[in-house]
Every structure is written in C-alpha cells, then in structure tokens.
Amino acid sequence: MARYFFDVINDRGRAHDYQGCDFPSLDGAKRQGELIAIDLLVDQESEGRVGGKIAICDAMGKELFAIPLQAQAFGQA
C-alpha cells in the first residue's frame, strides 16, 4: 500500500496534508480526493468562494493528480 496526501490549494494558499492515508492504488486515492473535494465545494459555496483544487501527492510531495473544486467537475451545475 502507498500513502497519499491530499493538499488543498485555493486563493488562500496551500494547506498541506501531513498525515495522509494509505490506499492500495491511485484509484482509491482519487475517489477519496473526490469526496474531499465535494465536501469542500459545499463549504466554499456557502461562503461565496469558488475555485481551487485538491492535489493528490505521493510521500515525496510530487503531485500525482488534481481534482478541481468546481461544481461542473461533479456533474452539478
């Protein structure tokens, strides 16, 4: 299993995930990142903010995949 980290990047800067989560594959990490993004999207919309992304990174900090914080990315519009 590999450990993946979910950094939140938006207009306020970058919030690093220092704990991470273990997943057997990047696909599992992507699904977790999508859940995080949906949760953050709801919070952002209630605050009147938009934009940003969830960066899924490996243990060395390399960005492997990014999920935009946009309603269109999840079929909401």
C-alpha atoms as a PDB file:
ATOM      1  CA  MET A   1       0.000   0.000   0.000  1.00  0.00           C
ATOM      2  CA  ALA A   2       1.098   3.508  -0.712  1.00  0.00           C
ATOM      3  CA  ARG A   3       0.426   6.616   1.353  1.00  0.00           C
ATOM      4  CA  TYR A   4      -1.248   9.507  -0.444  1.00  0.00           C
ATOM      5  CA  PHE A   5      -1.588  13.083   0.752  1.00  0.00           C
ATOM      6  CA  PHE A   6      -4.441  15.465  -0.043  1.00  0.00           C
ATOM      7  CA  ASP A   7      -3.337  19.101  -0.167  1.00  0.00           C
ATOM      8  CA  VAL A   8      -5.965  21.809  -0.553  1.00  0.00           C
ATOM      9  CA  ILE A   9      -4.907  24.628  -2.867  1.00  0.00           C
ATOM     10  CA  ASN A  10      -7.050  27.741  -3.237  1.00  0.00           C
ATOM     11  CA  ASP A  11      -6.902  31.528  -3.204  1.00  0.00           C
ATOM     12  CA  ARG A  12      -5.793  31.401   0.446  1.00  0.00           C
ATOM     13  CA  GLY A  13      -2.718  29.307  -0.334  1.00  0.00           C
ATOM     14  CA  ARG A  14      -1.857  25.641   0.156  1.00  0.00           C
ATOM     15  CA  ALA A  15      -2.940  23.579   3.146  1.00  0.00           C
ATOM     16  CA  HIS A  16      -0.668  20.547   3.392  1.00  0.00           C
ATOM     17  CA  ASP A  17      -1.974  17.171   4.483  1.00  0.00           C
ATOM     18  CA  TYR A  18       0.804  15.942   6.768  1.00  0.00           C
ATOM     19  CA  GLN A  19      -0.939  12.727   7.794  1.00  0.00           C
ATOM     20  CA  GLY A  20      -2.123  11.187   4.522  1.00  0.00           C
ATOM     21  CA  CYS A  21      -3.995   7.921   4.015  1.00  0.00           C
ATOM     22  CA  ASP A  22      -2.971   4.506   2.757  1.00  0.00           C
ATOM     23  CA  PHE A  23      -4.591   3.098  -0.389  1.00  0.00           C
ATOM     24  CA  PRO A  24      -3.760   0.043  -2.488  1.00  0.00           C
ATOM     25  CA  SER A  25      -3.834   2.154  -5.671  1.00  0.00           C
ATOM     26  CA  LEU A  26      -4.063   5.688  -7.004  1.00  0.00           C
ATOM     27  CA  ASP A  27      -7.685   4.972  -7.980  1.00  0.00           C
ATOM     28  CA  GLY A  28      -8.658   4.627  -4.325  1.00  0.00           C
ATOM     29  CA  ALA A  29      -6.867   7.863  -3.522  1.00  0.00           C
ATOM     30  CA  LYS A  30      -8.677   9.606  -6.398  1.00  0.00           C
ATOM     31  CA  ARG A  31     -12.053   8.506  -5.019  1.00  0.00           C
ATOM     32  CA  GLN A  32     -11.105   9.808  -1.579  1.00  0.00           C
ATOM     33  CA  GLY A  33      -9.933  13.079  -3.135  1.00  0.00           C
ATOM     34  CA  GLU A  34     -13.277  13.436  -4.920  1.00  0.00           C
ATOM     35  CA  LEU A  35     -15.127  13.024  -1.614  1.00  0.00           C
ATOM     36  CA  ILE A  36     -12.920  15.655  -0.002  1.00  0.00           C
ATOM     37  CA  ALA A  37     -13.464  17.992  -2.961  1.00  0.00           C
ATOM     38  CA  ILE A  38     -17.254  17.633  -2.819  1.00  0.00           C
ATOM     39  CA  ASP A  39     -17.229  18.392   0.910  1.00  0.00           C
ATOM     40  CA  LEU A  40     -15.020  21.454   0.408  1.00  0.00           C
ATOM     41  CA  LEU A  41     -17.111  22.604  -2.547  1.00  0.00           C
ATOM     42  CA  VAL A  42     -20.213  22.732  -0.357  1.00  0.00           C
ATOM     43  CA  ASP A  43     -18.321  24.747   2.258  1.00  0.00           C
ATOM     44  CA  GLN A  44     -16.926  27.142  -0.359  1.00  0.00           C
ATOM     45  CA  GLU A  45     -20.303  27.757  -1.963  1.00  0.00           C
ATOM     46  CA  SER A  46     -21.842  28.585   1.421  1.00  0.00           C
ATOM     47  CA  GLU A  47     -19.030  31.114   1.960  1.00  0.00           C
ATOM     48  CA  GLY A  48     -19.368  32.602  -1.530  1.00  0.00           C
ATOM     49  CA  ARG A  49     -15.945  31.374  -2.656  1.00  0.00           C
ATOM     50  CA  VAL A  50     -15.107  29.294  -5.709  1.00  0.00           C
ATOM     51  CA  GLY A  51     -12.063  27.652  -7.211  1.00  0.00           C
ATOM     52  CA  GLY A  52      -9.037  25.761  -6.115  1.00  0.00           C
ATOM     53  CA  LYS A  53      -8.140  22.098  -6.220  1.00  0.00           C
ATOM     54  CA  ILE A  54      -7.262  19.020  -4.222  1.00  0.00           C
ATOM     55  CA  ALA A  55      -3.750  17.890  -5.099  1.00  0.00           C
ATOM     56  CA  ILE A  56      -3.141  14.194  -4.502  1.00  0.00           C
ATOM     57  CA  CYS A  57       0.555  13.808  -3.739  1.00  0.00           C
ATOM     58  CA  ASP A  58       2.948  10.963  -3.016  1.00  0.00           C
ATOM     59  CA  ALA A  59       5.175  10.755   0.058  1.00  0.00           C
ATOM     60  CA  MET A  60       7.835  12.860  -1.687  1.00  0.00           C
ATOM     61  CA  GLY A  61       5.334  15.684  -2.290  1.00  0.00           C
ATOM     62  CA  LYS A  62       5.016  15.064  -6.028  1.00  0.00           C
ATOM     63  CA  GLU A  63       1.539  15.911  -7.328  1.00  0.00           C
ATOM     64  CA  LEU A  64       0.098  12.795  -8.955  1.00  0.00           C
ATOM     65  CA  PHE A  65      -3.404  14.000  -9.706  1.00  0.00           C
ATOM     66  CA  ALA A  66      -5.525  17.104  -9.142  1.00  0.00           C
ATOM     67  CA  ILE A  67      -9.264  17.438  -8.605  1.00  0.00           C
ATOM     68  CA  PRO A  68     -10.717  20.888  -9.324  1.00  0.00           C
ATOM     69  CA  LEU A  69     -13.069  22.420  -6.794  1.00  0.00           C
ATOM     70  CA  GLN A  70     -15.773  23.210  -9.330  1.00  0.00           C
ATOM     71  CA  ALA A  71     -19.380  22.060  -9.390  1.00  0.00           C
ATOM     72  CA  GLN A  72     -19.038  21.098 -13.066  1.00  0.00           C
ATOM     73  CA  ALA A  73     -16.380  18.538 -12.152  1.00  0.00           C
ATOM     74  CA  PHE A  74     -19.025  16.556 -10.241  1.00  0.00           C
ATOM     75  CA  GLY A  75     -21.985  16.919 -12.576  1.00  0.00           C
ATOM     76  CA  GLN A  76     -23.529  19.705 -10.520  1.00  0.00           C
ATOM     77  CA  ALA A  77     -24.317  22.970 -12.220  1.00  0.00           C
END
